[in-house]
Amino acid sequence: MNQVLLRNFVNLFFNALYLLIFVRVVMSWIPNLQSGKFAEFVLEITDPVLKPIQKIIPNLGGIDISPIVAFFLLQLLQGFVNSYL
């Protein structure tokens, strides 16, 4: 029972992170959404994931692909964590 609960928590954590990264991408397209408490919250949560990737992988023609790389790496990490639970 505890293993199922832990796996559900891990999956909830990763799903929330995927959602916040997606929200950040949408916020970058709509200037009015880039300020305020919610925007600050999204940036605080997603910056630790995206900033290291942005340092390694530069923008391609002005397009930030770090969210795509983050989704891929997080999927790998989620699968790795779930395989050990």
C-alpha atoms as a PDB file:
ATOM      1  CA  MET A   1       0.000   0.000   0.000  1.00  0.00           C
ATOM      2  CA  ASN A   2       2.764   2.441   0.916  1.00  0.00           C
ATOM      3  CA  GLN A   3       4.585   1.698  -2.327  1.00  0.00           C
ATOM      4  CA  VAL A   4       1.474   2.551  -4.355  1.00  0.00           C
ATOM      5  CA  LEU A   5       0.987   5.748  -2.368  1.00  0.00           C
ATOM      6  CA  LEU A   6       4.616   6.746  -2.889  1.00  0.00           C
ATOM      7  CA  ARG A   7       4.434   6.026  -6.624  1.00  0.00           C
ATOM      8  CA  ASN A   8       1.241   8.099  -6.883  1.00  0.00           C
ATOM      9  CA  PHE A   9       2.928  10.965  -5.041  1.00  0.00           C
ATOM     10  CA  VAL A  10       5.972  10.812  -7.333  1.00  0.00           C
ATOM     11  CA  ASN A  11       3.743  10.822 -10.409  1.00  0.00           C
ATOM     12  CA  LEU A  12       1.695  13.722  -9.019  1.00  0.00           C
ATOM     13  CA  PHE A  13       4.905  15.681  -8.415  1.00  0.00           C
ATOM     14  CA  PHE A  14       6.164  15.126 -11.951  1.00  0.00           C
ATOM     15  CA  ASN A  15       2.760  15.869 -13.495  1.00  0.00           C
ATOM     16  CA  ALA A  16       2.545  19.137 -11.567  1.00  0.00           C
ATOM     17  CA  LEU A  17       6.022  20.056 -12.786  1.00  0.00           C
ATOM     18  CA  TYR A  18       5.083  19.248 -16.399  1.00  0.00           C
ATOM     19  CA  LEU A  19       2.007  21.434 -16.051  1.00  0.00           C
ATOM     20  CA  LEU A  20       3.957  24.350 -14.579  1.00  0.00           C
ATOM     21  CA  ILE A  21       6.560  24.166 -17.352  1.00  0.00           C
ATOM     22  CA  PHE A  22       3.753  24.186 -19.920  1.00  0.00           C
ATOM     23  CA  VAL A  23       2.167  27.187 -18.168  1.00  0.00           C
ATOM     24  CA  ARG A  24       5.534  28.952 -18.284  1.00  0.00           C
ATOM     25  CA  VAL A  25       5.749  28.372 -22.044  1.00  0.00           C
ATOM     26  CA  VAL A  26       2.254  29.811 -22.525  1.00  0.00           C
ATOM     27  CA  MET A  27       3.136  32.750 -20.266  1.00  0.00           C
ATOM     28  CA  SER A  28       6.131  33.533 -22.466  1.00  0.00           C
ATOM     29  CA  TRP A  29       3.805  33.933 -25.453  1.00  0.00           C
ATOM     30  CA  ILE A  30       1.354  36.286 -23.701  1.00  0.00           C
ATOM     31  CA  PRO A  31       3.023  39.399 -22.241  1.00  0.00           C
ATOM     32  CA  ASN A  32       0.159  40.177 -19.829  1.00  0.00           C
ATOM     33  CA  LEU A  33       0.713  36.870 -18.040  1.00  0.00           C
ATOM     34  CA  GLN A  34       4.397  37.496 -17.315  1.00  0.00           C
ATOM     35  CA  SER A  35       3.869  39.518 -14.146  1.00  0.00           C
ATOM     36  CA  GLY A  36       2.063  38.992 -10.889  1.00  0.00           C
ATOM     37  CA  LYS A  37       2.165  36.567  -7.999  1.00  0.00           C
ATOM     38  CA  PHE A  38       1.181  33.542 -10.073  1.00  0.00           C
ATOM     39  CA  ALA A  39       3.910  34.269 -12.633  1.00  0.00           C
ATOM     40  CA  GLU A  40       6.453  34.622  -9.826  1.00  0.00           C
ATOM     41  CA  PHE A  41       5.325  31.284  -8.389  1.00  0.00           C
ATOM     42  CA  VAL A  42       5.660  29.541 -11.760  1.00  0.00           C
ATOM     43  CA  LEU A  43       9.126  31.030 -12.297  1.00  0.00           C
ATOM     44  CA  GLU A  44      10.293  30.044  -8.804  1.00  0.00           C
ATOM     45  CA  ILE A  45       9.244  26.446  -9.352  1.00  0.00           C
ATOM     46  CA  THR A  46      10.457  26.035 -12.942  1.00  0.00           C
ATOM     47  CA  ASP A  47      13.701  28.048 -12.852  1.00  0.00           C
ATOM     48  CA  PRO A  48      15.701  25.343 -11.020  1.00  0.00           C
ATOM     49  CA  VAL A  49      14.765  22.919 -13.797  1.00  0.00           C
ATOM     50  CA  LEU A  50      15.088  25.182 -16.833  1.00  0.00           C
ATOM     51  CA  LYS A  51      18.024  27.489 -15.984  1.00  0.00           C
ATOM     52  CA  PRO A  52      20.720  24.759 -16.007  1.00  0.00           C
ATOM     53  CA  ILE A  53      19.417  23.504 -19.342  1.00  0.00           C
ATOM     54  CA  GLN A  54      19.410  27.051 -20.748  1.00  0.00           C
ATOM     55  CA  LYS A  55      23.071  27.417 -19.770  1.00  0.00           C
ATOM     56  CA  ILE A  56      23.994  24.291 -21.729  1.00  0.00           C
ATOM     57  CA  ILE A  57      21.683  24.600 -24.743  1.00  0.00           C
ATOM     58  CA  PRO A  58      21.476  28.046 -26.367  1.00  0.00           C
ATOM     59  CA  ASN A  59      18.338  29.419 -28.003  1.00  0.00           C
ATOM     60  CA  LEU A  60      17.836  28.254 -31.560  1.00  0.00           C
ATOM     61  CA  GLY A  61      16.980  31.272 -33.675  1.00  0.00           C
ATOM     62  CA  GLY A  62      15.424  33.021 -30.692  1.00  0.00           C
ATOM     63  CA  ILE A  63      13.448  29.941 -29.669  1.00  0.00           C
ATOM     64  CA  ASP A  64      14.061  28.524 -26.205  1.00  0.00           C
ATOM     65  CA  ILE A  65      13.995  24.739 -26.446  1.00  0.00           C
ATOM     66  CA  SER A  66      14.832  24.173 -22.776  1.00  0.00           C
ATOM     67  CA  PRO A  67      11.210  23.216 -21.926  1.00  0.00           C
ATOM     68  CA  ILE A  68      11.305  20.467 -24.562  1.00  0.00           C
ATOM     69  CA  VAL A  69      14.600  19.154 -23.194  1.00  0.00           C
ATOM     70  CA  ALA A  70      13.232  19.432 -19.644  1.00  0.00           C
ATOM     71  CA  PHE A  71      10.134  17.410 -20.560  1.00  0.00           C
ATOM     72  CA  PHE A  72      12.343  14.696 -22.045  1.00  0.00           C
ATOM     73  CA  LEU A  73      14.756  14.592 -19.094  1.00  0.00           C
ATOM     74  CA  LEU A  74      11.936  14.664 -16.547  1.00  0.00           C
ATOM     75  CA  GLN A  75      10.227  11.755 -18.333  1.00  0.00           C
ATOM     76  CA  LEU A  76      13.464   9.774 -18.096  1.00  0.00           C
ATOM     77  CA  LEU A  77      13.857  10.657 -14.426  1.00  0.00           C
ATOM     78  CA  GLN A  78      10.229   9.793 -13.672  1.00  0.00           C
ATOM     79  CA  GLY A  79      10.605   6.419 -15.357  1.00  0.00           C
ATOM     80  CA  PHE A  80      13.838   5.774 -13.487  1.00  0.00           C
ATOM     81  CA  VAL A  81      12.292   6.674 -10.120  1.00  0.00           C
ATOM     82  CA  ASN A  82       9.152   4.630 -10.795  1.00  0.00           C
ATOM     83  CA  SER A  83      11.209   1.600 -11.795  1.00  0.00           C
ATOM     84  CA  TYR A  84      12.734   1.558  -8.316  1.00  0.00           C
ATOM     85  CA  LEU A  85       9.444   1.942  -6.462  1.00  0.00           C
END
